[in-house]
Amino acid sequence: MTKADLIESIYEKVGLSKKESSQIVELVFEIMRSSLEKGEKVKISGFGNFNIRDKKVRRGRNPQTGDEIEISARSVLTFKASPVLKKALNG
């Protein structure tokens, strides 16, 4: 499912215009993005949790040359599905 699919679903099910539907989707994503940038968790009941996790510097290997390299520290986005979503997906 794409962002365009979400907009189309809101347009069809709620009856808002496509422009309004697009604005709602963009606003929801912007709120989620800004919350995650602040380091806050985003918890959507019945769906799951989005969280930013910090990874430390670590040693790695270039698969082409075999040379050891240092993989820099970074933040990664993680998602953990809620039990309700897991149950729905697994029957």
C-alpha atoms as a PDB file:
ATOM      1  CA  MET A   1       0.000   0.000   0.000  1.00  0.00           C
ATOM      2  CA  THR A   2       1.312   3.424  -0.926  1.00  0.00           C
ATOM      3  CA  LYS A   3       0.573   6.909   0.347  1.00  0.00           C
ATOM      4  CA  ALA A   4      -1.618   7.415  -2.753  1.00  0.00           C
ATOM      5  CA  ASP A   5      -3.566   4.261  -1.822  1.00  0.00           C
ATOM      6  CA  LEU A   6      -4.155   5.634   1.683  1.00  0.00           C
ATOM      7  CA  ILE A   7      -5.406   8.921   0.265  1.00  0.00           C
ATOM      8  CA  GLU A   8      -7.718   7.074  -2.126  1.00  0.00           C
ATOM      9  CA  SER A   9      -9.117   4.909   0.712  1.00  0.00           C
ATOM     10  CA  ILE A  10      -9.869   7.955   2.862  1.00  0.00           C
ATOM     11  CA  TYR A  11     -11.457   9.662  -0.151  1.00  0.00           C
ATOM     12  CA  GLU A  12     -13.732   6.669  -0.815  1.00  0.00           C
ATOM     13  CA  LYS A  13     -14.617   5.690   2.768  1.00  0.00           C
ATOM     14  CA  VAL A  14     -14.905   9.059   4.511  1.00  0.00           C
ATOM     15  CA  GLY A  15     -16.159  11.142   1.618  1.00  0.00           C
ATOM     16  CA  LEU A  16     -13.629  13.952   1.926  1.00  0.00           C
ATOM     17  CA  SER A  17     -12.150  15.462  -1.212  1.00  0.00           C
ATOM     18  CA  LYS A  18      -8.878  14.034  -2.479  1.00  0.00           C
ATOM     19  CA  LYS A  19      -7.129  17.275  -1.507  1.00  0.00           C
ATOM     20  CA  GLU A  20      -8.463  17.071   2.067  1.00  0.00           C
ATOM     21  CA  SER A  21      -7.610  13.370   2.251  1.00  0.00           C
ATOM     22  CA  SER A  22      -4.077  14.128   1.082  1.00  0.00           C
ATOM     23  CA  GLN A  23      -3.698  16.887   3.674  1.00  0.00           C
ATOM     24  CA  ILE A  24      -4.822  14.532   6.464  1.00  0.00           C
ATOM     25  CA  VAL A  25      -2.361  11.807   5.443  1.00  0.00           C
ATOM     26  CA  GLU A  26       0.484  14.316   5.141  1.00  0.00           C
ATOM     27  CA  LEU A  27      -0.383  15.840   8.528  1.00  0.00           C
ATOM     28  CA  VAL A  28      -0.438  12.446  10.269  1.00  0.00           C
ATOM     29  CA  PHE A  29       2.948  11.533   8.774  1.00  0.00           C
ATOM     30  CA  GLU A  30       4.401  14.929   9.708  1.00  0.00           C
ATOM     31  CA  ILE A  31       3.220  14.558  13.321  1.00  0.00           C
ATOM     32  CA  MET A  32       4.720  11.072  13.512  1.00  0.00           C
ATOM     33  CA  ARG A  33       7.980  12.248  11.908  1.00  0.00           C
ATOM     34  CA  SER A  34       8.399  15.214  14.255  1.00  0.00           C
ATOM     35  CA  SER A  35       7.639  13.072  17.321  1.00  0.00           C
ATOM     36  CA  LEU A  36      10.229  10.498  16.280  1.00  0.00           C
ATOM     37  CA  GLU A  37      12.793  13.244  15.592  1.00  0.00           C
ATOM     38  CA  LYS A  38      12.287  14.458  19.178  1.00  0.00           C
ATOM     39  CA  GLY A  39      13.043  10.933  20.412  1.00  0.00           C
ATOM     40  CA  GLU A  40       9.447  10.187  21.412  1.00  0.00           C
ATOM     41  CA  LYS A  41       7.819   6.815  20.823  1.00  0.00           C
ATOM     42  CA  VAL A  42       4.831   6.665  18.502  1.00  0.00           C
ATOM     43  CA  LYS A  43       2.286   4.151  19.774  1.00  0.00           C
ATOM     44  CA  ILE A  44      -0.785   3.388  17.689  1.00  0.00           C
ATOM     45  CA  SER A  45      -3.152   1.233  19.700  1.00  0.00           C
ATOM     46  CA  GLY A  46      -4.080  -1.962  17.879  1.00  0.00           C
ATOM     47  CA  PHE A  47      -1.314  -1.436  15.310  1.00  0.00           C
ATOM     48  CA  GLY A  48       2.098  -1.141  16.948  1.00  0.00           C
ATOM     49  CA  ASN A  49       4.971   1.004  18.187  1.00  0.00           C
ATOM     50  CA  PHE A  50       7.507   3.044  16.241  1.00  0.00           C
ATOM     51  CA  ASN A  51      10.719   3.834  18.071  1.00  0.00           C
ATOM     52  CA  ILE A  52      14.147   5.303  17.332  1.00  0.00           C
ATOM     53  CA  ARG A  53      17.069   3.178  18.516  1.00  0.00           C
ATOM     54  CA  ASP A  54      20.676   4.317  18.630  1.00  0.00           C
ATOM     55  CA  LYS A  55      23.302   1.938  17.286  1.00  0.00           C
ATOM     56  CA  LYS A  56      26.881   2.251  18.455  1.00  0.00           C
ATOM     57  CA  VAL A  57      30.004   2.289  16.306  1.00  0.00           C
ATOM     58  CA  ARG A  58      30.940  -1.243  15.326  1.00  0.00           C
ATOM     59  CA  ARG A  59      33.422  -3.188  13.236  1.00  0.00           C
ATOM     60  CA  GLY A  60      32.280  -4.601   9.937  1.00  0.00           C
ATOM     61  CA  ARG A  61      33.738  -6.036   6.769  1.00  0.00           C
ATOM     62  CA  ASN A  62      33.568  -4.907   3.166  1.00  0.00           C
ATOM     63  CA  PRO A  63      32.039  -7.933   1.395  1.00  0.00           C
ATOM     64  CA  GLN A  64      33.831  -7.152  -1.880  1.00  0.00           C
ATOM     65  CA  THR A  65      37.363  -6.808  -0.522  1.00  0.00           C
ATOM     66  CA  GLY A  66      37.172  -8.460   2.884  1.00  0.00           C
ATOM     67  CA  ASP A  67      38.772  -5.397   4.481  1.00  0.00           C
ATOM     68  CA  GLU A  68      37.649  -4.455   7.970  1.00  0.00           C
ATOM     69  CA  ILE A  69      35.795  -1.154   8.210  1.00  0.00           C
ATOM     70  CA  GLU A  70      34.221   0.892  10.950  1.00  0.00           C
ATOM     71  CA  ILE A  71      30.459   1.254  10.708  1.00  0.00           C
ATOM     72  CA  SER A  72      29.500   4.632  12.120  1.00  0.00           C
ATOM     73  CA  ALA A  73      27.023   5.225  14.931  1.00  0.00           C
ATOM     74  CA  ARG A  74      23.507   5.951  13.719  1.00  0.00           C
ATOM     75  CA  SER A  75      19.868   5.992  14.667  1.00  0.00           C
ATOM     76  CA  VAL A  76      17.474   3.437  13.210  1.00  0.00           C
ATOM     77  CA  LEU A  77      13.703   3.321  13.137  1.00  0.00           C
ATOM     78  CA  THR A  78      12.160   0.174  14.586  1.00  0.00           C
ATOM     79  CA  PHE A  79       8.580  -1.064  14.489  1.00  0.00           C
ATOM     80  CA  LYS A  80       7.034  -3.627  16.787  1.00  0.00           C
ATOM     81  CA  ALA A  81       3.587  -4.898  15.853  1.00  0.00           C
ATOM     82  CA  SER A  82       0.935  -4.994  18.562  1.00  0.00           C
ATOM     83  CA  PRO A  83      -0.500  -8.341  19.696  1.00  0.00           C
ATOM     84  CA  VAL A  84      -3.817  -7.340  18.069  1.00  0.00           C
ATOM     85  CA  LEU A  85      -2.137  -6.866  14.680  1.00  0.00           C
ATOM     86  CA  LYS A  86      -0.106 -10.073  15.059  1.00  0.00           C
ATOM     87  CA  LYS A  87      -3.271 -12.010  15.868  1.00  0.00           C
ATOM     88  CA  ALA A  88      -5.093 -10.525  12.861  1.00  0.00           C
ATOM     89  CA  LEU A  89      -2.209 -11.439  10.543  1.00  0.00           C
ATOM     90  CA  ASN A  90      -1.860 -14.980  11.871  1.00  0.00           C
ATOM     91  CA  GLY A  91      -5.557 -15.830  12.027  1.00  0.00           C
END
